[in-house]
Amino acid sequence: MAEKKNFDSDFCGSLPLQHINLIQDYGYLLILDIEDLKVIQASENTDAITGKPVQEIINSSFSEYIIDTDFEKIREFLKKGVTQKIPFSLSFNTEASQDQFHALMHIKADYLLLEMEKATVETNRSFADVFQEVKQIIAAIDQAATVKEVCEVAVHELRKISGFDGILMYQFDKDWNGSVIAEEKDDRLEKYIGQTFPASDVPRQARQLYLKNPYRLIPSRDYQPIRLYPVLNSITNSFIDLSDCNLRGVVAVHLEYMKNMNIKASMSFRVIRNGQLWGLISCHHIEEKYLDYEVCSVFEWLSTVISAKISSILDKEAYDFATELQHKRAALADRIYESDDIIAGIITEDGPDILDLFDATGSVVILNGRIETKGEVPLVDDIDNLMLWLEGKDINDVFATDHLSGIYDDAKTFAAVGSGMLVIPIDSAKGDYVVCFRPEVVETINWGGDPNEAITFENDGKKYHPRNSFKLWKQTVMRHAKPFTPEELEIAAVLRSFLFEFRTKQLYN
């Protein structure tokens, strides 16, 4: 038995992932001065497309290497004042290369960052074919009625169009641990459905990057990192910020993580709700696997569709729940008016009361020195001590916790009935409160490997490694209750205002 632990590693979250100064070898990177479009920085593999060593192309005009119409195209983009990423086709015109590339231009304040991937051989599939396939996927997702159904449909359809050996989808909890809620995999890959991965697997820094970039493609964990030349950007005098760059290199610890999972290629893309990262869809392949920019763009499109559908379902559930709470709160207020007594109105044997409103199993009301209880509550001495503790905290707003013993040590003795607590201060200065309790919910978490070994350091304290096993590791968590929802906290704040005003009128009438 154990208490919940936060596995969001400060160490992992502080790694400067965006300043790695390396790119993956499936593309090329150029940084151009925004004023004259001269090359100020480049990946060292650009000699393959310019025909010159990278040192020789610095300070040369980009116009020397591409066809005139494409150079003018870039100038036109800049004239329009576009600030978003711009995808377009780009043709080189050098002795080394006359190939066509998929280019992605990032327009920064003082420079342009240009990512380039060689266009793949044309297939027999037309845009109409691809569009119809995507429309069918969107229709299947749109028909899903629950979040679980959306996730299962998404995983199935994405695996079908991408050919990845395995795809899983996981949702983040409030501590940023990710639980696998849908999965479809080749039998050669380990199954993780129902398992939870610690927050350190997708650390804070990486989660922030998903807000800037919809997806992350690693075609080969054995890629050869390509350095940028020169090391420092001459305009910013610092490492280039590759936060929203698809080609950004991969830190060694993540490549080792992939090896431990028995995969050589991966792709992850985000699921967003209310501007925050809600979850990730993670694609795994046993062998190397490259997806061209067009296919990645389809994934990016579907990421938006999936995010929107999940958000609409959750928003409707939240709205329906909030509406139900409003009806219960209104009924409770009516009863208080009818009885002209706060305690009689919220603790009653006739109809829904404070316990029903907040899905609580016990409640204590302290008003004008009078104490009334209902349901399963701590012993009298425990309540007295808890009230003294609350008064010392000077709580003037609604307060809730799903782990009372984590902030009030004496709560361990009554965890069975009061691991969760909601406090509605009617008037904290006078010691008047409404307190609701929720019981302990003993929970077994199925971790994908021991989360305590997410990162292990060598004896030098500098070299580190991810865990090498993802076998099921069970943890039983105690002294935690079902958390109070944002909708419940909002209705509690409305109820508090009503109780304060009602009591004030009683005192002065």
Protein backbone atom coordinates (compact mmCIF):
# COMPACT_ATOMS: atom_id res chain seq x y z
CA MET A 1 0.00 0.00 0.00
CA ALA A 2 1.29 3.47 -0.87
CA GLU A 3 0.22 7.04 -1.38
CA LYS A 4 0.25 8.70 -4.77
CA LYS A 5 3.53 10.18 -5.87
CA ASN A 6 4.19 12.84 -8.47
CA PHE A 7 6.45 11.41 -11.18
CA ASP A 8 6.76 14.62 -13.21
CA SER A 9 10.56 14.75 -13.08
CA ASP A 10 12.10 18.19 -12.61
CA PHE A 11 15.29 16.85 -14.16
CA CYS A 12 13.61 15.54 -17.32
CA GLY A 13 11.47 18.65 -17.56
CA SER A 14 14.52 20.91 -17.54
CA LEU A 15 16.35 19.30 -20.48
CA PRO A 16 16.78 21.94 -23.25
CA LEU A 17 15.13 19.87 -25.98
CA GLN A 18 14.58 22.85 -28.28
CA HIS A 19 18.26 23.88 -28.18
CA ILE A 20 19.69 20.51 -29.14
CA ASN A 21 21.36 22.09 -32.25
CA LEU A 22 21.01 18.80 -34.15
CA ILE A 23 18.53 17.58 -36.73
CA GLN A 24 17.49 14.13 -37.92
CA ASP A 25 18.99 12.97 -41.18
CA TYR A 26 15.78 12.57 -43.21
CA GLY A 27 15.78 16.25 -44.15
CA TYR A 28 17.76 19.46 -44.49
CA LEU A 29 17.64 22.73 -42.57
CA LEU A 30 18.55 26.25 -43.67
CA ILE A 31 18.31 29.49 -41.71
CA LEU A 32 18.06 32.62 -43.84
CA ASP A 33 18.37 36.29 -42.98
CA ILE A 34 14.86 37.68 -43.34
CA GLU A 35 16.14 40.91 -44.94
CA ASP A 36 18.20 39.60 -47.86
CA LEU A 37 17.56 35.81 -47.75
CA LYS A 38 21.23 35.02 -47.33
CA VAL A 39 22.16 31.73 -45.64
CA ILE A 40 23.31 32.36 -42.07
CA GLN A 41 23.17 28.78 -40.77
CA ALA A 42 22.68 25.34 -42.30
CA SER A 43 22.67 21.64 -41.50
CA GLU A 44 25.95 20.01 -42.46
CA ASN A 45 24.25 17.63 -44.92
CA THR A 46 23.19 20.47 -47.26
CA ASP A 47 26.27 19.81 -49.39
CA ALA A 48 24.20 17.00 -50.95
CA ILE A 49 21.75 19.52 -52.43
CA THR A 50 23.89 22.65 -52.90
CA GLY A 51 27.03 20.91 -54.14
CA LYS A 52 29.16 22.96 -51.75
CA PRO A 53 30.56 22.33 -48.26
CA VAL A 54 28.34 23.95 -45.66
CA GLN A 55 31.10 26.43 -44.75
CA GLU A 56 31.02 27.86 -48.29
CA ILE A 57 27.30 28.55 -48.48
CA ILE A 58 27.20 30.75 -45.37
CA ASN A 59 26.49 34.38 -46.38
CA SER A 60 25.55 33.34 -49.92
CA SER A 61 22.11 34.13 -51.33
CA PHE A 62 19.58 31.32 -51.29
CA SER A 63 18.71 32.35 -54.85
CA GLU A 64 21.89 30.64 -56.05
CA TYR A 65 20.50 27.18 -55.28
CA ILE A 66 16.81 27.19 -56.26
CA ILE A 67 14.82 28.06 -59.35
CA ASP A 68 13.90 31.74 -59.76
CA THR A 69 10.15 31.24 -59.42
CA ASP A 70 10.58 29.56 -56.02
CA PHE A 71 12.84 32.35 -54.81
CA GLU A 72 10.19 34.89 -55.80
CA LYS A 73 7.57 32.74 -54.11
CA ILE A 74 9.42 33.14 -50.80
CA ARG A 75 9.68 36.90 -51.28
CA GLU A 76 5.93 37.08 -51.97
CA PHE A 77 5.18 35.16 -48.77
CA LEU A 78 7.19 37.71 -46.79
CA LYS A 79 5.43 40.65 -48.47
CA LYS A 80 2.06 39.28 -47.37
CA GLY A 81 3.15 39.41 -43.73
CA VAL A 82 2.26 35.79 -43.02
CA THR A 83 3.52 34.66 -39.60
CA GLN A 84 2.42 31.01 -39.57
CA LYS A 85 4.31 28.02 -40.92
CA ILE A 86 4.06 27.92 -44.69
CA PRO A 87 4.30 24.61 -46.59
CA PHE A 88 5.22 24.75 -50.28
CA SER A 89 7.12 22.90 -53.01
CA LEU A 90 10.71 23.89 -53.69
CA SER A 91 13.00 22.88 -56.57
CA PHE A 92 16.78 23.04 -56.38
CA ASN A 93 18.80 24.01 -59.43
CA THR A 94 22.36 22.94 -58.75
CA GLU A 95 24.70 20.37 -60.25
CA ALA A 96 24.21 18.33 -57.07
CA SER A 97 20.44 18.34 -57.18
CA GLN A 98 17.53 19.23 -59.43
CA ASP A 99 15.12 17.48 -57.11
CA GLN A 100 11.82 18.76 -55.78
CA PHE A 101 11.37 19.15 -52.04
CA HIS A 102 8.57 19.58 -49.56
CA ALA A 103 9.52 22.78 -47.74
CA LEU A 104 8.16 24.18 -44.50
CA MET A 105 9.05 27.80 -43.82
CA HIS A 106 8.94 29.23 -40.29
CA ILE A 107 8.91 33.02 -40.32
CA LYS A 108 10.63 34.44 -37.24
CA ALA A 109 11.29 38.05 -36.26
CA ASP A 110 14.78 38.26 -37.80
CA TYR A 111 15.23 35.06 -39.78
CA LEU A 112 13.53 32.29 -41.73
CA LEU A 113 13.86 28.67 -40.73
CA LEU A 114 13.44 26.40 -43.74
CA GLU A 115 12.87 22.66 -43.31
CA MET A 116 13.18 20.55 -46.46
CA GLU A 117 12.40 16.92 -47.22
CA LYS A 118 12.96 15.37 -50.62
CA ALA A 119 9.61 14.73 -52.33
CA THR A 120 8.89 11.03 -52.65
CA VAL A 121 8.10 9.31 -55.94
CA GLU A 122 4.56 10.07 -57.06
CA THR A 123 2.02 7.36 -56.37
CA ASN A 124 -1.09 6.48 -58.36
CA ARG A 125 -3.28 7.86 -55.60
CA SER A 126 -4.90 11.17 -56.45
CA PHE A 127 -5.78 13.92 -54.02
CA ALA A 128 -9.44 12.90 -54.42
CA ASP A 129 -8.60 9.34 -53.32
CA VAL A 130 -6.78 10.57 -50.22
CA PHE A 131 -9.49 13.11 -49.45
CA GLN A 132 -12.23 10.48 -49.67
CA GLU A 133 -10.29 8.15 -47.37
CA VAL A 134 -9.83 10.93 -44.82
CA LYS A 135 -13.50 11.88 -45.08
CA GLN A 136 -14.48 8.29 -44.28
CA ILE A 137 -12.25 8.34 -41.19
CA ILE A 138 -13.76 11.65 -40.09
CA ALA A 139 -17.26 10.23 -40.56
CA ALA A 140 -16.39 7.19 -38.42
CA ILE A 141 -14.97 9.44 -35.69
CA ASP A 142 -17.98 11.75 -35.85
CA GLN A 143 -20.37 8.82 -35.28
CA ALA A 144 -18.66 7.85 -32.03
CA ALA A 145 -20.78 8.68 -29.00
CA THR A 146 -18.22 8.40 -26.20
CA VAL A 147 -14.58 9.34 -25.70
CA LYS A 148 -13.70 5.64 -25.52
CA GLU A 149 -15.35 5.03 -28.89
CA VAL A 150 -13.56 8.00 -30.46
CA CYS A 151 -10.21 6.69 -29.24
CA GLU A 152 -10.82 3.14 -30.44
CA VAL A 153 -12.01 4.29 -33.88
CA ALA A 154 -9.08 6.71 -34.20
CA VAL A 155 -6.47 4.09 -33.32
CA HIS A 156 -7.98 1.55 -35.74
CA GLU A 157 -8.31 3.94 -38.68
CA LEU A 158 -4.91 5.56 -38.19
CA ARG A 159 -3.17 2.20 -38.13
CA LYS A 160 -4.99 1.21 -41.30
CA ILE A 161 -3.87 4.25 -43.31
CA SER A 162 -0.34 4.51 -41.87
CA GLY A 163 0.78 0.89 -41.67
CA PHE A 164 2.41 1.29 -38.26
CA ASP A 165 2.89 -1.97 -36.36
CA GLY A 166 1.17 -0.51 -33.33
CA ILE A 167 -0.80 2.56 -32.29
CA LEU A 168 -1.90 3.46 -28.79
CA MET A 169 -3.66 6.45 -27.32
CA TYR A 170 -3.20 7.67 -23.81
CA GLN A 171 -4.82 10.36 -21.72
CA PHE A 172 -3.01 12.51 -19.18
CA ASP A 173 -4.25 12.81 -15.61
CA LYS A 174 -3.88 15.90 -13.42
CA ASP A 175 -0.32 14.82 -12.52
CA TRP A 176 0.56 14.26 -16.21
CA ASN A 177 0.76 10.47 -15.96
CA GLY A 178 -0.60 8.91 -19.15
CA SER A 179 -3.06 6.01 -19.11
CA VAL A 180 -3.47 3.92 -22.27
CA ILE A 181 -7.17 4.03 -23.20
CA ALA A 182 -7.05 2.53 -26.70
CA GLU A 183 -4.56 0.30 -28.51
CA GLU A 184 -4.15 -1.79 -31.64
CA LYS A 185 -0.88 -3.63 -32.17
CA ASP A 186 1.09 -6.32 -33.94
CA ASP A 187 1.48 -9.39 -31.69
CA ARG A 188 5.25 -8.79 -31.63
CA LEU A 189 4.77 -5.62 -29.59
CA GLU A 190 4.01 -5.59 -25.90
CA LYS A 191 0.44 -4.63 -25.00
CA TYR A 192 -0.11 -1.65 -22.69
CA ILE A 193 -3.89 -1.18 -22.66
CA GLY A 194 -5.06 -0.13 -19.20
CA GLN A 195 -1.54 0.64 -18.05
CA THR A 196 -0.23 4.00 -16.87
CA PHE A 197 3.07 5.62 -17.82
CA PRO A 198 4.71 8.10 -15.43
CA ALA A 199 4.79 11.80 -16.27
CA SER A 200 8.55 11.66 -16.71
CA ASP A 201 8.04 9.60 -19.92
CA VAL A 202 6.69 12.76 -21.57
CA PRO A 203 8.35 15.43 -19.41
CA ARG A 204 7.20 19.01 -19.04
CA GLN A 205 9.55 20.32 -21.70
CA ALA A 206 8.33 17.78 -24.27
CA ARG A 207 4.66 18.47 -23.47
CA GLN A 208 5.20 22.17 -24.09
CA LEU A 209 6.72 21.39 -27.48
CA TYR A 210 3.58 19.49 -28.52
CA LEU A 211 1.67 22.75 -28.07
CA LYS A 212 3.93 24.28 -30.73
CA ASN A 213 4.19 21.28 -33.04
CA PRO A 214 1.27 18.91 -33.74
CA TYR A 215 3.39 15.81 -34.27
CA ARG A 216 6.80 14.27 -33.71
CA LEU A 217 8.23 11.83 -36.26
CA ILE A 218 11.31 9.68 -35.63
CA PRO A 219 11.76 7.45 -38.72
CA SER A 220 14.81 5.70 -37.28
CA ARG A 221 16.24 5.57 -33.79
CA ASP A 222 19.59 4.74 -35.46
CA TYR A 223 19.70 7.96 -37.47
CA GLN A 224 22.95 9.92 -37.76
CA PRO A 225 22.55 13.30 -36.04
CA ILE A 226 23.33 16.23 -38.33
CA ARG A 227 24.92 19.29 -36.77
CA LEU A 228 24.20 22.89 -37.68
CA TYR A 229 26.94 25.19 -38.93
CA PRO A 230 27.90 27.54 -37.48
CA VAL A 231 26.95 26.44 -33.99
CA LEU A 232 25.57 29.87 -33.05
CA ASN A 233 23.00 31.83 -35.02
CA SER A 234 24.79 35.04 -36.05
CA ILE A 235 21.64 37.13 -35.58
CA THR A 236 20.64 35.91 -32.12
CA ASN A 237 24.17 34.93 -31.00
CA SER A 238 22.73 31.76 -29.47
CA PHE A 239 21.66 28.22 -30.34
CA ILE A 240 18.79 28.20 -32.79
CA ASP A 241 15.39 27.50 -31.20
CA LEU A 242 14.06 24.32 -32.84
CA SER A 243 10.86 24.15 -30.75
CA ASP A 244 8.48 23.90 -33.70
CA CYS A 245 10.87 22.19 -36.09
CA ASN A 246 9.83 18.73 -37.35
CA LEU A 247 13.44 17.76 -38.04
CA ARG A 248 14.63 18.56 -34.51
CA GLY A 249 17.10 15.97 -33.24
CA VAL A 250 16.24 13.45 -30.55
CA VAL A 251 17.89 13.32 -27.13
CA ALA A 252 19.83 10.11 -26.46
CA VAL A 253 17.67 9.08 -23.51
CA HIS A 254 14.58 8.93 -25.73
CA LEU A 255 16.36 6.85 -28.36
CA GLU A 256 17.34 4.42 -25.61
CA TYR A 257 13.71 4.45 -24.44
CA MET A 258 12.64 3.42 -27.96
CA LYS A 259 15.20 0.62 -27.98
CA ASN A 260 13.88 -0.67 -24.66
CA MET A 261 10.39 -0.72 -26.20
CA ASN A 262 11.71 -2.80 -29.13
CA ILE A 263 10.80 -0.19 -31.76
CA LYS A 264 12.95 1.54 -34.36
CA ALA A 265 10.49 4.19 -35.53
CA SER A 266 7.81 6.21 -33.82
CA MET A 267 5.39 9.03 -34.40
CA SER A 268 3.34 10.85 -31.79
CA PHE A 269 0.74 13.52 -32.27
CA ARG A 270 -1.27 15.57 -29.90
CA VAL A 271 -4.85 15.67 -28.71
CA ILE A 272 -5.75 19.16 -27.48
CA ARG A 273 -8.62 20.33 -25.30
CA ASN A 274 -9.15 23.94 -24.23
CA GLY A 275 -5.66 24.85 -25.40
CA GLN A 276 -4.05 22.20 -23.20
CA LEU A 277 -2.51 18.84 -23.98
CA TRP A 278 -5.21 16.26 -23.19
CA GLY A 279 -3.48 13.19 -24.58
CA LEU A 280 -1.18 11.71 -27.20
CA ILE A 281 -1.56 9.19 -29.97
CA SER A 282 1.66 7.21 -30.22
CA CYS A 283 2.59 5.14 -33.29
CA HIS A 284 5.27 2.43 -33.08
CA HIS A 285 7.08 0.42 -35.74
CA ILE A 286 9.49 -2.46 -35.24
CA GLU A 287 11.59 -1.49 -38.26
CA GLU A 288 12.50 1.93 -39.64
CA LYS A 289 9.55 3.79 -41.15
CA TYR A 290 9.47 7.13 -42.94
CA LEU A 291 6.28 9.08 -43.63
CA ASP A 292 6.52 11.94 -46.10
CA TYR A 293 5.27 15.41 -45.30
CA GLU A 294 1.95 14.87 -47.10
CA VAL A 295 1.05 11.84 -44.95
CA CYS A 296 2.18 13.69 -41.82
CA SER A 297 -0.12 16.55 -42.84
CA VAL A 298 -3.04 14.10 -42.96
CA PHE A 299 -2.17 13.00 -39.42
CA GLU A 300 -2.02 16.65 -38.36
CA TRP A 301 -5.47 17.20 -39.87
CA LEU A 302 -6.90 14.15 -38.12
CA SER A 303 -5.33 15.29 -34.85
CA THR A 304 -7.48 18.41 -35.07
CA VAL A 305 -10.58 16.36 -35.89
CA ILE A 306 -10.01 13.94 -33.00
CA SER A 307 -9.30 16.81 -30.59
CA ALA A 308 -12.50 18.60 -31.63
CA LYS A 309 -14.65 15.48 -31.27
CA ILE A 310 -13.28 14.56 -27.85
CA SER A 311 -13.66 18.18 -26.69
CA SER A 312 -17.30 18.32 -27.87
CA ILE A 313 -18.18 15.11 -26.02
CA LEU A 314 -16.47 16.21 -22.81
CA ASP A 315 -17.93 19.72 -23.05
CA LYS A 316 -21.45 18.27 -23.40
CA GLU A 317 -20.87 15.93 -20.45
CA ALA A 318 -19.60 18.86 -18.37
CA TYR A 319 -22.58 21.01 -19.41
CA ASP A 320 -25.10 18.29 -18.58
CA PHE A 321 -23.42 17.65 -15.23
CA ALA A 322 -23.32 21.38 -14.39
CA THR A 323 -26.99 21.71 -15.34
CA GLU A 324 -27.91 18.82 -13.05
CA LEU A 325 -25.94 20.41 -10.21
CA GLN A 326 -27.72 23.73 -10.78
CA HIS A 327 -31.11 22.02 -10.43
CA LYS A 328 -30.04 20.34 -7.20
CA ARG A 329 -28.60 23.59 -5.80
CA ALA A 330 -31.81 25.46 -6.66
CA ALA A 331 -33.91 22.81 -4.89
CA LEU A 332 -31.65 23.02 -1.85
CA ALA A 333 -31.96 26.84 -1.79
CA ASP A 334 -35.75 26.58 -2.02
CA ARG A 335 -35.79 24.25 0.97
CA ILE A 336 -33.65 26.67 3.00
CA TYR A 337 -36.09 29.48 2.18
CA GLU A 338 -39.08 27.30 3.11
CA SER A 339 -37.61 26.23 6.46
CA ASP A 340 -35.93 29.60 7.10
CA ASP A 341 -33.04 27.53 8.47
CA ILE A 342 -29.75 26.72 6.75
CA ILE A 343 -29.11 23.51 8.66
CA ALA A 344 -32.65 22.18 8.23
CA GLY A 345 -32.51 23.04 4.55
CA ILE A 346 -29.25 21.34 3.63
CA ILE A 347 -29.41 18.35 5.98
CA THR A 348 -32.75 16.68 5.57
CA GLU A 349 -34.32 13.25 5.51
CA ASP A 350 -36.84 14.39 2.89
CA GLY A 351 -35.43 14.59 -0.62
CA PRO A 352 -31.98 15.48 -2.03
CA ASP A 353 -29.66 17.36 0.31
CA ILE A 354 -26.03 18.49 0.55
CA LEU A 355 -24.79 14.89 0.29
CA ASP A 356 -26.60 14.38 -3.01
CA LEU A 357 -25.41 17.71 -4.37
CA PHE A 358 -21.73 16.91 -3.83
CA ASP A 359 -21.79 13.12 -4.08
CA ALA A 360 -20.57 12.96 -0.48
CA THR A 361 -21.04 10.25 2.11
CA GLY A 362 -20.88 12.53 5.14
CA SER A 363 -21.39 16.17 6.06
CA VAL A 364 -20.85 18.47 9.03
CA VAL A 365 -22.52 21.87 9.37
CA ILE A 366 -21.21 24.30 11.99
CA LEU A 367 -23.35 27.40 12.39
CA ASN A 368 -23.65 29.78 15.35
CA GLY A 369 -21.95 27.24 17.60
CA ARG A 370 -24.38 24.52 16.59
CA ILE A 371 -22.98 21.33 14.99
CA GLU A 372 -25.09 18.93 12.95
CA THR A 373 -23.88 15.90 11.02
CA LYS A 374 -25.28 13.50 8.50
CA GLY A 375 -23.90 10.32 7.05
CA GLU A 376 -20.47 8.87 7.80
CA VAL A 377 -18.24 11.48 9.42
CA PRO A 378 -15.15 11.44 11.69
CA LEU A 379 -15.52 11.07 15.44
CA VAL A 380 -16.49 14.12 17.51
CA ASP A 381 -12.94 14.75 18.77
CA ASP A 382 -11.60 14.42 15.23
CA ILE A 383 -14.17 16.94 13.96
CA ASP A 384 -13.28 19.40 16.73
CA ASN A 385 -9.57 19.17 15.91
CA LEU A 386 -10.28 19.48 12.17
CA MET A 387 -12.35 22.62 12.76
CA LEU A 388 -9.53 24.17 14.76
CA TRP A 389 -7.14 23.35 11.93
CA LEU A 390 -9.50 24.93 9.40
CA GLU A 391 -9.85 28.10 11.45
CA GLY A 392 -6.05 28.34 11.62
CA LYS A 393 -5.91 28.14 7.82
CA ASP A 394 -8.20 31.17 7.50
CA ILE A 395 -10.08 29.63 4.59
CA ASN A 396 -12.37 32.25 3.05
CA ASP A 397 -13.09 30.56 -0.28
CA VAL A 398 -14.28 27.13 -1.26
CA PHE A 399 -11.55 24.59 -0.60
CA ALA A 400 -11.32 20.95 -1.68
CA THR A 401 -8.83 18.09 -1.51
CA ASP A 402 -8.94 14.44 -2.50
CA HIS A 403 -6.03 13.64 -0.19
CA LEU A 404 -6.74 15.25 3.18
CA SER A 405 -4.08 13.26 5.04
CA GLY A 406 -1.49 14.72 2.68
CA ILE A 407 -2.05 18.19 4.18
CA TYR A 408 -3.50 17.30 7.58
CA ASP A 409 -1.64 14.39 9.17
CA ASP A 410 -4.33 13.59 11.76
CA ALA A 411 -6.71 12.73 8.91
CA LYS A 412 -4.97 9.38 8.54
CA THR A 413 -7.02 8.10 11.48
CA PHE A 414 -10.33 8.71 9.69
CA ALA A 415 -9.23 8.17 6.07
CA ALA A 416 -11.91 5.50 5.59
CA VAL A 417 -14.66 8.13 5.86
CA GLY A 418 -12.78 11.36 5.14
CA SER A 419 -9.98 11.07 2.61
CA GLY A 420 -11.68 13.73 0.51
CA MET A 421 -13.03 16.99 1.90
CA LEU A 422 -14.97 19.97 0.52
CA VAL A 423 -15.10 23.08 2.72
CA ILE A 424 -17.69 25.81 2.14
CA PRO A 425 -16.94 28.65 4.56
CA ILE A 426 -20.16 30.50 5.38
CA ASP A 427 -18.19 32.85 7.64
CA SER A 428 -14.75 31.59 8.59
CA ALA A 429 -14.21 34.45 11.04
CA LYS A 430 -17.08 33.06 13.13
CA GLY A 431 -16.13 29.41 12.52
CA ASP A 432 -19.21 28.71 10.41
CA TYR A 433 -18.64 26.01 7.78
CA VAL A 434 -20.32 23.39 5.68
CA VAL A 435 -17.94 20.43 5.27
CA CYS A 436 -18.54 17.42 3.02
CA PHE A 437 -16.53 14.20 3.21
CA ARG A 438 -15.74 11.54 0.66
CA PRO A 439 -14.40 8.12 1.68
CA GLU A 440 -11.10 6.51 0.80
CA VAL A 441 -11.03 4.80 -2.57
CA VAL A 442 -8.32 2.16 -2.59
CA GLU A 443 -6.95 2.16 -6.13
CA THR A 444 -4.66 -0.23 -7.95
CA ILE A 445 -2.59 1.48 -10.65
CA ASN A 446 -1.20 -0.74 -13.38
CA TRP A 447 2.05 0.98 -14.32
CA GLY A 448 3.94 0.21 -17.53
CA GLY A 449 7.13 -0.59 -15.64
CA ASP A 450 8.23 0.62 -12.22
CA PRO A 451 7.71 4.44 -12.24
CA ASN A 452 10.32 4.80 -9.50
CA GLU A 453 12.90 3.65 -12.03
CA ALA A 454 11.82 5.94 -14.87
CA ILE A 455 15.28 7.53 -14.86
CA THR A 456 18.40 5.94 -13.37
CA PHE A 457 21.75 7.69 -13.03
CA GLU A 458 25.15 6.11 -13.31
CA ASN A 459 27.71 6.48 -10.52
CA ASP A 460 29.11 9.69 -12.03
CA GLY A 461 25.75 11.38 -11.46
CA LYS A 462 25.76 12.71 -15.03
CA LYS A 463 24.95 9.83 -17.35
CA TYR A 464 21.40 8.57 -17.09
CA HIS A 465 19.13 5.96 -18.67
CA PRO A 466 15.40 5.31 -18.99
CA ARG A 467 13.90 2.20 -17.41
CA ASN A 468 14.58 -0.95 -19.40
CA SER A 469 11.37 -2.79 -18.55
CA PHE A 470 7.74 -1.95 -19.30
CA LYS A 471 6.34 -5.06 -17.67
CA LEU A 472 3.22 -4.60 -15.58
CA TRP A 473 4.05 -3.09 -12.18
CA LYS A 474 1.12 -2.82 -9.76
CA GLN A 475 0.79 -0.13 -7.10
CA THR A 476 -2.01 0.05 -4.55
CA VAL A 477 -2.81 3.63 -3.55
CA MET A 478 -4.55 4.51 -0.30
CA ARG A 479 -5.94 7.56 1.54
CA HIS A 480 -7.23 9.19 -1.62
CA ALA A 481 -10.85 9.93 -2.51
CA LYS A 482 -12.71 10.60 -5.73
CA PRO A 483 -11.67 14.17 -6.66
CA PHE A 484 -14.18 17.02 -6.66
CA THR A 485 -14.79 18.25 -10.20
CA PRO A 486 -14.47 21.84 -11.45
CA GLU A 487 -18.26 21.89 -11.90
CA GLU A 488 -18.77 20.86 -8.27
CA LEU A 489 -16.34 23.52 -7.05
CA GLU A 490 -18.12 26.15 -9.12
CA ILE A 491 -21.53 25.21 -7.71
CA ALA A 492 -20.00 25.17 -4.21
CA ALA A 493 -18.87 28.77 -4.72
CA VAL A 494 -22.40 29.76 -5.82
CA LEU A 495 -23.85 28.00 -2.78
CA ARG A 496 -21.37 29.73 -0.48
CA SER A 497 -22.49 33.17 -1.72
CA PHE A 498 -26.11 32.22 -1.20
CA LEU A 499 -25.50 30.89 2.34
CA PHE A 500 -23.50 33.97 3.33
CA GLU A 501 -26.21 36.34 2.07
CA PHE A 502 -29.02 34.30 3.64
CA ARG A 503 -27.26 34.22 7.01
CA THR A 504 -26.48 37.95 6.84
CA LYS A 505 -30.18 38.76 6.21
CA GLN A 506 -31.17 36.57 9.16
CA LEU A 507 -28.79 38.42 11.46
CA TYR A 508 -30.07 41.85 10.50
CA ASN A 509 -33.78 41.11 10.25
